[in-house]
Structure formats: structure tokens, C-alpha cells
Amino acid sequence: SIEEHYPLTPTQLRFCHHAQMFPESCTYNLSVRVEITGQVDIQRLNRAFLEVISRHAILRTQFFSSNDGIIQVLPETWDFKIKEQIIDKEELNQAFSRFVQPFNLQNAPLIRATLNILEADQHILFIDLPHIVGDGISMSLLLKELVSIYDGIDIPTPSLQFKDYAIWHNNQIKSDFFNNSKDFWHQYFDQGSG
């Protein structure tokens, strides 16, 4: 059942439209390969991913069409499990190509991960998420949080979620200030100024 839903930002809306028009596209996937040296506790890593996903509502968001247009929904339940595979180093590029797949934006969470075991103390972690839920900076922050949580370091709870920004941004777009600014620039360019 659906617990909460929120509007999309204009950028998220463009990503949704792209996903609807090109459902097999990986153009807007954010995919990384992280080298890990040393032993990896797969259960602990999975718990760290679960905590990161729990901390950031955007990672467990689903996108649906409704009478009000496309909305982002936070489902009550979701499931995540990191995959693991033993692989030869020479197969990494092919494995990464197979790993990066289109996302169905209606299925949460919108993140996937595979731990590739090269040797007992050498691993490559693949992480993939759609650009609609993150960017390069948020991927960097996600990795820092993942490492901190895996290492047992307490980190502060985020005070804001992306949905808060989406609501604020949509309210700004509807504001008199925004509309007055938009009208000013339309008049300015219609007069051939600039």
C-alpha cells in the first residue's frame, strides 16, 4: 500500500519522461566500480546498504503516473540484497556492462549493488542507480556513508530529504516572485533587448 506521495522537480520529470520514452536506456544511470582491499563481511555490507537506503527516502522512492501527473511515492515496504559473485579480473568489464541495466522506476529501491570477489582480499563493488534519485555528489556522499556505517561509525540523521526540496522547489515555481521574474525576462527578450 502507498504511504506517502510527493511532486517531482522539473528535472525529475524530464528523467521520468525519458525513462518512459526509452525504457531500455541506461543513459541516465550513475554507475561506479569501487575497489576494496581486505576481507569483506557481505552481511555487514548488506546491512550498511539497508541503513543508507533507510536514511535516504529518495533511494526507496517509486515513480507513478496519477491523475495529478507523475508523482513520487514512498512505499511502506521494500527489499534490497547485495549480490555477490566470484569473478576473474579479465571478466570485470563484461560483468560491469551486464550489471548496468535500465531501472523500472516503479520498483523500489532504486539502487543495485554487486560485490565481485577477485580473491579473498580483493573485491570490486559495483553500484548503480538512476540519475532521477542521485548525481555524482550524492553518489560520493552515499559511498562515504556506506563506509562509515560498515565501519560502525555513527553519523547524523539527515535533517532534510529530497522530497522536502521537491515540495519547496514546486512552491517556488508557483510563487509570485518566480512568475514576476519570468514575466520580466519574457518581456525583456520579446523587446529584443540584450
N, C-alpha and C. Protein backbone atom coordinates (compact mmCIF):
# COMPACT_ATOMS: atom_id res chain seq x y z
N SER A 1 0.84 -1.19 0.00
CA SER A 1 0.00 0.00 0.00
C SER A 1 0.88 1.24 0.00
N ILE A 2 0.32 2.35 -0.40
CA ILE A 2 1.07 3.59 -0.56
C ILE A 2 0.95 4.42 0.71
N GLU A 3 2.09 4.82 1.24
CA GLU A 3 2.11 5.59 2.47
C GLU A 3 2.11 7.10 2.20
N GLU A 4 3.01 7.57 1.34
CA GLU A 4 3.15 8.99 1.08
C GLU A 4 3.47 9.20 -0.40
N HIS A 5 3.06 10.37 -0.93
CA HIS A 5 3.49 10.71 -2.28
C HIS A 5 3.77 12.21 -2.36
N TYR A 6 4.63 12.56 -3.33
CA TYR A 6 5.14 13.92 -3.44
C TYR A 6 5.28 14.29 -4.91
N PRO A 7 5.32 15.61 -5.19
CA PRO A 7 5.54 16.03 -6.57
C PRO A 7 7.00 15.81 -6.98
N LEU A 8 7.24 15.85 -8.26
CA LEU A 8 8.59 15.75 -8.81
C LEU A 8 9.13 17.15 -9.08
N THR A 9 10.44 17.27 -9.08
CA THR A 9 11.05 18.51 -9.56
C THR A 9 10.97 18.47 -11.09
N PRO A 10 11.12 19.60 -11.76
CA PRO A 10 11.13 19.59 -13.23
C PRO A 10 12.21 18.66 -13.80
N THR A 11 13.36 18.61 -13.16
CA THR A 11 14.44 17.74 -13.64
C THR A 11 14.04 16.28 -13.51
N GLN A 12 13.45 15.90 -12.36
CA GLN A 12 12.99 14.53 -12.19
C GLN A 12 11.93 14.19 -13.24
N LEU A 13 11.07 15.14 -13.53
CA LEU A 13 10.02 14.91 -14.53
C LEU A 13 10.64 14.61 -15.89
N ARG A 14 11.69 15.34 -16.26
CA ARG A 14 12.38 15.07 -17.53
C ARG A 14 12.98 13.66 -17.54
N PHE A 15 13.59 13.25 -16.42
CA PHE A 15 14.15 11.90 -16.34
C PHE A 15 13.05 10.84 -16.46
N CYS A 16 11.89 11.11 -15.85
CA CYS A 16 10.76 10.17 -15.94
C CYS A 16 10.28 10.05 -17.38
N HIS A 17 10.13 11.19 -18.04
CA HIS A 17 9.69 11.15 -19.43
C HIS A 17 10.69 10.39 -20.30
N HIS A 18 11.97 10.62 -20.06
CA HIS A 18 12.99 9.89 -20.82
C HIS A 18 12.85 8.39 -20.58
N ALA A 19 12.66 7.99 -19.32
CA ALA A 19 12.53 6.57 -18.99
C ALA A 19 11.28 5.97 -19.64
N GLN A 20 10.21 6.74 -19.75
CA GLN A 20 9.00 6.25 -20.40
C GLN A 20 9.19 6.11 -21.91
N MET A 21 9.90 7.06 -22.51
CA MET A 21 10.11 7.03 -23.96
C MET A 21 11.17 6.01 -24.36
N PHE A 22 12.16 5.81 -23.50
CA PHE A 22 13.28 4.92 -23.81
C PHE A 22 13.50 3.95 -22.64
N PRO A 23 12.58 3.00 -22.44
CA PRO A 23 12.66 2.13 -21.25
C PRO A 23 13.90 1.23 -21.21
N GLU A 24 14.57 1.02 -22.32
CA GLU A 24 15.76 0.17 -22.34
C GLU A 24 17.06 0.97 -22.23
N SER A 25 16.93 2.28 -22.04
CA SER A 25 18.10 3.15 -22.00
C SER A 25 18.77 3.15 -20.63
N CYS A 26 20.10 3.16 -20.65
CA CYS A 26 20.90 3.32 -19.42
C CYS A 26 21.63 4.66 -19.44
N THR A 27 21.20 5.56 -20.32
CA THR A 27 21.87 6.85 -20.48
C THR A 27 21.99 7.60 -19.17
N TYR A 28 20.95 7.54 -18.34
CA TYR A 28 20.95 8.30 -17.10
C TYR A 28 21.19 7.41 -15.88
N ASN A 29 21.95 6.35 -16.04
CA ASN A 29 22.38 5.55 -14.90
C ASN A 29 23.67 6.15 -14.34
N LEU A 30 23.79 6.15 -13.04
CA LEU A 30 25.04 6.52 -12.37
C LEU A 30 25.63 5.22 -11.86
N SER A 31 26.73 4.80 -12.42
CA SER A 31 27.31 3.51 -12.10
C SER A 31 28.77 3.69 -11.71
N VAL A 32 29.16 3.03 -10.62
CA VAL A 32 30.54 3.13 -10.15
C VAL A 32 31.09 1.74 -9.85
N ARG A 33 32.41 1.69 -9.91
CA ARG A 33 33.17 0.50 -9.51
C ARG A 33 34.11 0.93 -8.40
N VAL A 34 34.01 0.26 -7.26
CA VAL A 34 34.82 0.63 -6.10
C VAL A 34 35.71 -0.54 -5.74
N GLU A 35 37.02 -0.30 -5.72
CA GLU A 35 37.97 -1.35 -5.36
C GLU A 35 38.07 -1.44 -3.84
N ILE A 36 37.96 -2.65 -3.32
CA ILE A 36 38.04 -2.89 -1.88
C ILE A 36 39.15 -3.91 -1.64
N THR A 37 40.11 -3.54 -0.81
CA THR A 37 41.19 -4.44 -0.44
C THR A 37 40.96 -4.90 0.99
N GLY A 38 41.09 -6.19 1.22
CA GLY A 38 40.87 -6.75 2.55
C GLY A 38 39.64 -7.62 2.57
N GLN A 39 39.39 -8.22 3.71
CA GLN A 39 38.22 -9.08 3.87
C GLN A 39 36.95 -8.24 3.86
N VAL A 40 35.88 -8.78 3.30
CA VAL A 40 34.58 -8.10 3.28
C VAL A 40 33.54 -9.03 3.91
N ASP A 41 32.84 -8.50 4.89
CA ASP A 41 31.73 -9.22 5.52
C ASP A 41 30.48 -8.86 4.72
N ILE A 42 30.00 -9.78 3.89
CA ILE A 42 28.89 -9.49 2.98
C ILE A 42 27.61 -9.13 3.74
N GLN A 43 27.35 -9.80 4.88
CA GLN A 43 26.15 -9.46 5.66
C GLN A 43 26.24 -8.05 6.24
N ARG A 44 27.42 -7.71 6.74
CA ARG A 44 27.62 -6.36 7.27
C ARG A 44 27.50 -5.30 6.17
N LEU A 45 28.04 -5.60 4.99
CA LEU A 45 27.92 -4.69 3.86
C LEU A 45 26.45 -4.52 3.45
N ASN A 46 25.71 -5.63 3.43
CA ASN A 46 24.30 -5.56 3.09
C ASN A 46 23.54 -4.71 4.12
N ARG A 47 23.84 -4.90 5.41
CA ARG A 47 23.19 -4.09 6.46
C ARG A 47 23.53 -2.61 6.28
N ALA A 48 24.77 -2.32 5.88
CA ALA A 48 25.17 -0.93 5.64
C ALA A 48 24.35 -0.34 4.49
N PHE A 49 24.18 -1.10 3.42
CA PHE A 49 23.34 -0.63 2.30
C PHE A 49 21.91 -0.40 2.77
N LEU A 50 21.36 -1.32 3.54
CA LEU A 50 19.99 -1.18 4.04
C LEU A 50 19.84 0.09 4.87
N GLU A 51 20.84 0.39 5.69
CA GLU A 51 20.77 1.60 6.51
C GLU A 51 20.86 2.86 5.65
N VAL A 52 21.75 2.86 4.65
CA VAL A 52 21.86 4.02 3.76
C VAL A 52 20.52 4.23 3.04
N ILE A 53 19.93 3.16 2.54
CA ILE A 53 18.64 3.28 1.84
C ILE A 53 17.56 3.77 2.80
N SER A 54 17.58 3.29 4.04
CA SER A 54 16.60 3.74 5.04
C SER A 54 16.78 5.22 5.37
N ARG A 55 18.01 5.69 5.38
CA ARG A 55 18.31 7.08 5.74
C ARG A 55 17.88 8.06 4.65
N HIS A 56 17.83 7.60 3.40
CA HIS A 56 17.56 8.49 2.26
C HIS A 56 16.33 8.02 1.50
N ALA A 57 15.21 8.68 1.76
CA ALA A 57 13.93 8.29 1.16
C ALA A 57 14.00 8.23 -0.36
N ILE A 58 14.81 9.09 -0.97
CA ILE A 58 14.88 9.12 -2.43
C ILE A 58 15.32 7.77 -3.01
N LEU A 59 16.14 7.02 -2.28
CA LEU A 59 16.61 5.73 -2.79
C LEU A 59 15.52 4.66 -2.76
N ARG A 60 14.49 4.86 -1.94
CA ARG A 60 13.40 3.89 -1.88
C ARG A 60 12.11 4.46 -2.47
N THR A 61 12.27 5.46 -3.31
CA THR A 61 11.14 6.11 -3.97
C THR A 61 10.75 5.33 -5.23
N GLN A 62 9.46 5.37 -5.52
CA GLN A 62 8.93 4.83 -6.77
C GLN A 62 8.25 5.98 -7.51
N PHE A 63 8.15 5.88 -8.82
CA PHE A 63 7.54 6.93 -9.63
C PHE A 63 6.37 6.35 -10.39
N PHE A 64 5.20 6.99 -10.24
CA PHE A 64 3.97 6.50 -10.86
C PHE A 64 3.24 7.64 -11.54
N SER A 65 2.46 7.28 -12.58
CA SER A 65 1.52 8.23 -13.19
C SER A 65 0.25 8.23 -12.36
N SER A 66 -0.31 9.42 -12.17
CA SER A 66 -1.57 9.55 -11.43
C SER A 66 -2.42 10.60 -12.15
N ASN A 67 -3.59 10.86 -11.61
CA ASN A 67 -4.45 11.90 -12.18
C ASN A 67 -3.79 13.27 -12.09
N ASP A 68 -2.87 13.43 -11.15
CA ASP A 68 -2.15 14.70 -10.97
C ASP A 68 -0.84 14.74 -11.75
N GLY A 69 -0.60 13.77 -12.62
CA GLY A 69 0.67 13.68 -13.34
C GLY A 69 1.54 12.62 -12.70
N ILE A 70 2.83 12.72 -12.90
CA ILE A 70 3.75 11.74 -12.31
C ILE A 70 4.06 12.18 -10.88
N ILE A 71 4.02 11.22 -9.96
CA ILE A 71 4.29 11.50 -8.56
C ILE A 71 5.38 10.56 -8.07
N GLN A 72 6.06 10.97 -7.01
CA GLN A 72 7.00 10.06 -6.34
C GLN A 72 6.33 9.54 -5.08
N VAL A 73 6.48 8.23 -4.89
CA VAL A 73 5.78 7.52 -3.82
C VAL A 73 6.80 6.82 -2.93
N LEU A 74 6.55 6.87 -1.63
CA LEU A 74 7.38 6.13 -0.68
C LEU A 74 6.59 4.91 -0.23
N PRO A 75 6.99 3.73 -0.69
CA PRO A 75 6.25 2.53 -0.29
C PRO A 75 6.52 2.17 1.17
N GLU A 76 5.57 1.47 1.76
CA GLU A 76 5.75 1.05 3.15
C GLU A 76 6.81 -0.03 3.27
N THR A 77 6.89 -0.90 2.28
CA THR A 77 7.88 -1.98 2.32
C THR A 77 8.70 -1.98 1.04
N TRP A 78 9.92 -2.47 1.16
CA TRP A 78 10.84 -2.60 0.03
C TRP A 78 11.90 -3.60 0.46
N ASP A 79 12.66 -4.09 -0.51
CA ASP A 79 13.66 -5.10 -0.20
C ASP A 79 14.93 -4.81 -0.99
N PHE A 80 16.06 -5.06 -0.35
CA PHE A 80 17.35 -4.90 -1.02
C PHE A 80 18.28 -6.01 -0.55
N LYS A 81 19.00 -6.56 -1.49
CA LYS A 81 20.03 -7.55 -1.14
C LYS A 81 21.17 -7.40 -2.14
N ILE A 82 22.36 -7.19 -1.60
CA ILE A 82 23.53 -7.10 -2.44
C ILE A 82 23.80 -8.47 -3.04
N LYS A 83 24.18 -8.49 -4.31
CA LYS A 83 24.56 -9.75 -4.95
C LYS A 83 26.06 -9.92 -4.82
N GLU A 84 26.50 -11.14 -4.87
CA GLU A 84 27.94 -11.38 -4.87
C GLU A 84 28.26 -12.45 -5.89
N GLN A 85 29.45 -12.33 -6.47
CA GLN A 85 29.90 -13.32 -7.45
C GLN A 85 31.42 -13.40 -7.44
N ILE A 86 31.90 -14.60 -7.67
CA ILE A 86 33.34 -14.82 -7.83
C ILE A 86 33.63 -14.61 -9.31
N ILE A 87 34.66 -13.84 -9.59
CA ILE A 87 34.91 -13.46 -10.97
C ILE A 87 36.42 -13.31 -11.20
N ASP A 88 36.84 -13.55 -12.43
CA ASP A 88 38.22 -13.29 -12.82
C ASP A 88 38.37 -11.82 -13.21
N LYS A 89 39.53 -11.26 -12.92
CA LYS A 89 39.79 -9.85 -13.21
C LYS A 89 39.54 -9.52 -14.69
N GLU A 90 39.86 -10.47 -15.57
CA GLU A 90 39.70 -10.24 -17.01
C GLU A 90 38.22 -10.12 -17.41
N GLU A 91 37.31 -10.58 -16.57
CA GLU A 91 35.88 -10.56 -16.88
C GLU A 91 35.17 -9.33 -16.32
N LEU A 92 35.90 -8.46 -15.60
CA LEU A 92 35.27 -7.33 -14.91
C LEU A 92 34.53 -6.39 -15.85
N ASN A 93 35.13 -6.02 -16.96
CA ASN A 93 34.47 -5.07 -17.87
C ASN A 93 33.18 -5.65 -18.43
N GLN A 94 33.21 -6.91 -18.81
CA GLN A 94 31.98 -7.55 -19.32
C GLN A 94 30.94 -7.65 -18.20
N ALA A 95 31.38 -8.00 -17.00
CA ALA A 95 30.46 -8.12 -15.87
C ALA A 95 29.83 -6.75 -15.56
N PHE A 96 30.62 -5.69 -15.64
CA PHE A 96 30.10 -4.35 -15.38
C PHE A 96 29.07 -3.96 -16.44
N SER A 97 29.36 -4.28 -17.69
CA SER A 97 28.41 -4.00 -18.78
C SER A 97 27.08 -4.73 -18.56
N ARG A 98 27.15 -5.97 -18.09
CA ARG A 98 25.92 -6.73 -17.81
C ARG A 98 25.20 -6.18 -16.57
N PHE A 99 25.96 -5.69 -15.62
CA PHE A 99 25.41 -5.18 -14.37
C PHE A 99 24.56 -3.92 -14.58
N VAL A 100 25.04 -3.00 -15.42
CA VAL A 100 24.34 -1.73 -15.66
C VAL A 100 23.14 -2.01 -16.56
N GLN A 101 21.97 -1.92 -15.96
CA GLN A 101 20.71 -2.21 -16.65
C GLN A 101 19.74 -1.05 -16.45
N PRO A 102 18.74 -0.95 -17.33
CA PRO A 102 17.71 0.07 -17.11
C PRO A 102 16.98 -0.20 -15.80
N PHE A 103 16.49 0.85 -15.18
CA PHE A 103 15.69 0.73 -13.96
C PHE A 103 14.21 0.85 -14.30
N ASN A 104 13.40 0.06 -13.65
CA ASN A 104 11.96 0.26 -13.66
C ASN A 104 11.69 1.21 -12.51
N LEU A 105 11.29 2.43 -12.80
CA LEU A 105 11.15 3.46 -11.79
C LEU A 105 9.97 3.22 -10.85
N GLN A 106 9.20 2.17 -11.10
CA GLN A 106 8.09 1.82 -10.22
C GLN A 106 8.50 0.79 -9.17
N ASN A 107 9.75 0.33 -9.21
CA ASN A 107 10.21 -0.69 -8.27
C ASN A 107 11.29 -0.13 -7.35
N ALA A 108 10.95 -0.04 -6.07
CA ALA A 108 11.92 0.44 -5.08
C ALA A 108 12.64 -0.75 -4.46
N PRO A 109 13.86 -0.56 -4.00
CA PRO A 109 14.62 0.69 -4.04
C PRO A 109 15.30 0.87 -5.40
N LEU A 110 15.61 2.11 -5.71
CA LEU A 110 16.24 2.44 -6.99
C LEU A 110 17.76 2.50 -6.83
N ILE A 111 18.30 1.37 -6.45
CA ILE A 111 19.74 1.18 -6.32
C ILE A 111 20.00 -0.31 -6.39
N ARG A 112 21.13 -0.67 -6.98
CA ARG A 112 21.53 -2.08 -7.01
C ARG A 112 23.04 -2.15 -6.78
N ALA A 113 23.48 -3.29 -6.26
CA ALA A 113 24.91 -3.45 -5.98
C ALA A 113 25.29 -4.92 -6.13
N THR A 114 26.51 -5.13 -6.60
CA THR A 114 27.10 -6.47 -6.70
C THR A 114 28.53 -6.39 -6.18
N LEU A 115 28.86 -7.32 -5.29
CA LEU A 115 30.23 -7.45 -4.82
C LEU A 115 30.91 -8.53 -5.64
N ASN A 116 31.95 -8.14 -6.36
CA ASN A 116 32.71 -9.07 -7.20
C ASN A 116 33.95 -9.50 -6.43
N ILE A 117 34.07 -10.78 -6.21
CA ILE A 117 35.19 -11.33 -5.45
C ILE A 117 36.25 -11.79 -6.43
N LEU A 118 37.40 -11.10 -6.44
CA LEU A 118 38.50 -11.47 -7.31
C LEU A 118 39.41 -12.47 -6.59
N GLU A 119 39.71 -12.15 -5.35
CA GLU A 119 40.49 -13.02 -4.46
C GLU A 119 39.94 -12.82 -3.06
N ALA A 120 40.42 -13.58 -2.10
CA ALA A 120 39.90 -13.48 -0.73
C ALA A 120 40.01 -12.07 -0.16
N ASP A 121 41.01 -11.31 -0.59
CA ASP A 121 41.20 -9.96 -0.06
C ASP A 121 41.18 -8.89 -1.15
N GLN A 122 40.57 -9.20 -2.29
CA GLN A 122 40.47 -8.22 -3.37
C GLN A 122 39.06 -8.30 -3.98
N HIS A 123 38.36 -7.15 -3.92
CA HIS A 123 36.96 -7.10 -4.36
C HIS A 123 36.73 -5.84 -5.19
N ILE A 124 35.74 -5.92 -6.05
CA ILE A 124 35.27 -4.75 -6.78
C ILE A 124 33.76 -4.67 -6.54
N LEU A 125 33.32 -3.56 -5.95
CA LEU A 125 31.91 -3.34 -5.69
C LEU A 125 31.32 -2.51 -6.82
N PHE A 126 30.28 -3.04 -7.46
CA PHE A 126 29.53 -2.30 -8.47
C PHE A 126 28.31 -1.69 -7.79
N ILE A 127 28.05 -0.41 -8.05
CA ILE A 127 26.84 0.25 -7.57
C ILE A 127 26.22 0.98 -8.76
N ASP A 128 24.90 0.88 -8.87
CA ASP A 128 24.18 1.51 -9.97
C ASP A 128 22.90 2.13 -9.42
N LEU A 129 22.63 3.37 -9.83
CA LEU A 129 21.36 3.99 -9.51
C LEU A 129 20.97 4.93 -10.64
N PRO A 130 19.67 5.19 -10.79
CA PRO A 130 19.25 6.10 -11.86
C PRO A 130 19.45 7.55 -11.44
N HIS A 131 19.75 8.38 -12.41
CA HIS A 131 20.05 9.79 -12.16
C HIS A 131 18.86 10.52 -11.53
N ILE A 132 17.66 9.98 -11.65
CA ILE A 132 16.48 10.61 -11.08
C ILE A 132 16.54 10.65 -9.56
N VAL A 133 17.38 9.78 -8.95
CA VAL A 133 17.48 9.74 -7.49
C VAL A 133 18.85 10.17 -6.97
N GLY A 134 19.75 10.55 -7.85
CA GLY A 134 21.07 10.96 -7.39
C GLY A 134 21.92 11.54 -8.49
N ASP A 135 23.05 12.10 -8.08
CA ASP A 135 24.02 12.66 -9.02
C ASP A 135 25.41 12.29 -8.53
N GLY A 136 26.43 12.82 -9.16
CA GLY A 136 27.79 12.47 -8.79
C GLY A 136 28.12 12.83 -7.35
N ILE A 137 27.63 13.96 -6.88
CA ILE A 137 27.89 14.37 -5.50
C ILE A 137 27.18 13.44 -4.53
N SER A 138 25.91 13.13 -4.82
CA SER A 138 25.19 12.25 -3.90
C SER A 138 25.77 10.84 -3.91
N MET A 139 26.31 10.39 -5.06
CA MET A 139 26.96 9.08 -5.10
C MET A 139 28.20 9.09 -4.20
N SER A 140 28.96 10.18 -4.24
CA SER A 140 30.13 10.31 -3.38
C SER A 140 29.74 10.28 -1.91
N LEU A 141 28.69 11.00 -1.56
CA LEU A 141 28.20 11.01 -0.18
C LEU A 141 27.67 9.64 0.24
N LEU A 142 26.98 8.97 -0.68
CA LEU A 142 26.48 7.63 -0.41
C LEU A 142 27.62 6.69 -0.08
N LEU A 143 28.71 6.76 -0.85
CA LEU A 143 29.87 5.89 -0.60
C LEU A 143 30.50 6.20 0.76
N LYS A 144 30.62 7.49 1.11
CA LYS A 144 31.18 7.85 2.41
C LYS A 144 30.31 7.32 3.54
N GLU A 145 29.00 7.47 3.40
CA GLU A 145 28.09 6.95 4.42
C GLU A 145 28.19 5.43 4.52
N LEU A 146 28.25 4.77 3.38
CA LEU A 146 28.32 3.31 3.35
C LEU A 146 29.55 2.82 4.11
N VAL A 147 30.69 3.45 3.87
CA VAL A 147 31.93 3.07 4.55
C VAL A 147 31.81 3.34 6.05
N SER A 148 31.28 4.52 6.41
CA SER A 148 31.14 4.85 7.83
C SER A 148 30.23 3.86 8.55
N ILE A 149 29.11 3.55 7.95
CA ILE A 149 28.17 2.62 8.57
C ILE A 149 28.77 1.23 8.65
N TYR A 150 29.44 0.79 7.58
CA TYR A 150 30.10 -0.52 7.58
C TYR A 150 31.13 -0.59 8.71
N ASP A 151 31.85 0.51 8.92
CA ASP A 151 32.88 0.56 9.96
C ASP A 151 32.31 0.81 11.36
N GLY A 152 30.98 0.96 11.47
CA GLY A 152 30.36 1.15 12.78
C GLY A 152 30.43 2.55 13.32
N ILE A 153 30.67 3.52 12.46
CA ILE A 153 30.76 4.92 12.89
C ILE A 153 29.36 5.53 12.85
N ASP A 154 28.97 6.17 13.95
CA ASP A 154 27.68 6.86 14.00
C ASP A 154 27.75 8.12 13.16
N ILE A 155 26.73 8.31 12.33
CA ILE A 155 26.65 9.53 11.52
C ILE A 155 25.29 10.18 11.78
N PRO A 156 25.23 11.51 11.69
CA PRO A 156 23.97 12.19 11.99
C PRO A 156 22.87 11.82 11.00
N THR A 157 21.65 11.82 11.49
CA THR A 157 20.48 11.59 10.63
C THR A 157 20.28 12.81 9.75
N PRO A 158 20.02 12.62 8.46
CA PRO A 158 19.78 13.78 7.59
C PRO A 158 18.59 14.60 8.09
N SER A 159 18.74 15.91 8.12
CA SER A 159 17.66 16.77 8.59
C SER A 159 16.62 17.03 7.50
N LEU A 160 17.02 16.90 6.25
CA LEU A 160 16.12 17.09 5.11
C LEU A 160 16.24 15.92 4.17
N GLN A 161 15.17 15.67 3.43
CA GLN A 161 15.14 14.65 2.40
C GLN A 161 14.92 15.34 1.06
N PHE A 162 15.18 14.63 -0.04
CA PHE A 162 14.99 15.22 -1.35
C PHE A 162 13.54 15.63 -1.57
N LYS A 163 12.60 14.87 -1.02
CA LYS A 163 11.18 15.20 -1.16
C LYS A 163 10.90 16.59 -0.59
N ASP A 164 11.61 16.99 0.47
CA ASP A 164 11.45 18.33 1.04
C ASP A 164 11.85 19.39 0.02
N TYR A 165 12.95 19.12 -0.67
CA TYR A 165 13.40 20.03 -1.73
C TYR A 165 12.38 20.08 -2.86
N ALA A 166 11.86 18.92 -3.26
CA ALA A 166 10.89 18.87 -4.37
C ALA A 166 9.65 19.71 -4.04
N ILE A 167 9.16 19.59 -2.82
CA ILE A 167 7.99 20.38 -2.40
C ILE A 167 8.34 21.87 -2.41
N TRP A 168 9.49 22.23 -1.80
CA TRP A 168 9.92 23.62 -1.76
C TRP A 168 10.08 24.18 -3.18
N HIS A 169 10.76 23.42 -4.04
CA HIS A 169 11.02 23.88 -5.41
C HIS A 169 9.72 24.11 -6.17
N ASN A 170 8.77 23.20 -6.05
CA ASN A 170 7.49 23.37 -6.74
C ASN A 170 6.72 24.56 -6.19
N ASN A 171 6.81 24.82 -4.90
CA ASN A 171 6.17 26.01 -4.33
C ASN A 171 6.83 27.28 -4.86
N GLN A 172 8.16 27.26 -5.03
CA GLN A 172 8.86 28.42 -5.57
C GLN A 172 8.40 28.72 -7.00
N ILE A 173 8.24 27.66 -7.79
CA ILE A 173 7.82 27.83 -9.19
C ILE A 173 6.44 28.47 -9.27
N LYS A 174 5.59 28.19 -8.29
CA LYS A 174 4.22 28.74 -8.28
C LYS A 174 4.15 30.12 -7.61
N SER A 175 5.26 30.60 -7.06
CA SER A 175 5.24 31.85 -6.29
C SER A 175 5.12 33.08 -7.20
N ASP A 176 4.63 34.17 -6.61
CA ASP A 176 4.54 35.44 -7.34
C ASP A 176 5.91 35.92 -7.77
N PHE A 177 6.91 35.77 -6.89
CA PHE A 177 8.26 36.21 -7.22
C PHE A 177 8.76 35.51 -8.48
N PHE A 178 8.58 34.20 -8.55
CA PHE A 178 9.02 33.45 -9.73
C PHE A 178 8.27 33.90 -10.97
N ASN A 179 6.95 34.02 -10.85
CA ASN A 179 6.15 34.42 -12.01
C ASN A 179 6.48 35.84 -12.45
N ASN A 180 6.71 36.75 -11.49
CA ASN A 180 7.10 38.12 -11.85
C ASN A 180 8.46 38.12 -12.55
N SER A 181 9.39 37.32 -12.04
CA SER A 181 10.71 37.23 -12.68
C SER A 181 10.59 36.66 -14.08
N LYS A 182 9.79 35.63 -14.22
CA LYS A 182 9.59 35.01 -15.54
C LYS A 182 8.99 36.03 -16.50
N ASP A 183 7.97 36.76 -16.04
CA ASP A 183 7.33 37.77 -16.89
C ASP A 183 8.33 38.85 -17.30
N PHE A 184 9.15 39.30 -16.36
CA PHE A 184 10.16 40.31 -16.66
C PHE A 184 11.07 39.84 -17.79
N TRP A 185 11.59 38.60 -17.68
CA TRP A 185 12.54 38.13 -18.68
C TRP A 185 11.88 37.87 -20.02
N HIS A 186 10.63 37.43 -20.00
CA HIS A 186 9.90 37.27 -21.28
C HIS A 186 9.75 38.62 -21.97
N GLN A 187 9.36 39.64 -21.21
CA GLN A 187 9.21 40.99 -21.79
C GLN A 187 10.57 41.52 -22.26
N TYR A 188 11.59 41.29 -21.49
CA TYR A 188 12.92 41.78 -21.82
C TYR A 188 13.38 41.21 -23.16
N PHE A 189 13.22 39.90 -23.34
CA PHE A 189 13.68 39.28 -24.58
C PHE A 189 12.72 39.49 -25.73
N ASP A 190 11.43 39.66 -25.45
CA ASP A 190 10.47 39.95 -26.51
C ASP A 190 10.73 41.33 -27.12
N GLN A 191 11.29 42.25 -26.34
CA GLN A 191 11.59 43.59 -26.84
C GLN A 191 12.90 43.65 -27.60
N GLY A 192 13.58 42.52 -27.69
CA GLY A 192 14.84 42.47 -28.42
C GLY A 192 16.01 43.04 -27.65
N SER A 193 15.84 43.22 -26.35
CA SER A 193 16.92 43.76 -25.53
C SER A 193 17.95 42.68 -25.30
N GLY A 194 19.14 43.09 -24.96
CA GLY A 194 20.18 42.16 -24.58
C GLY A 194 21.03 41.80 -25.71
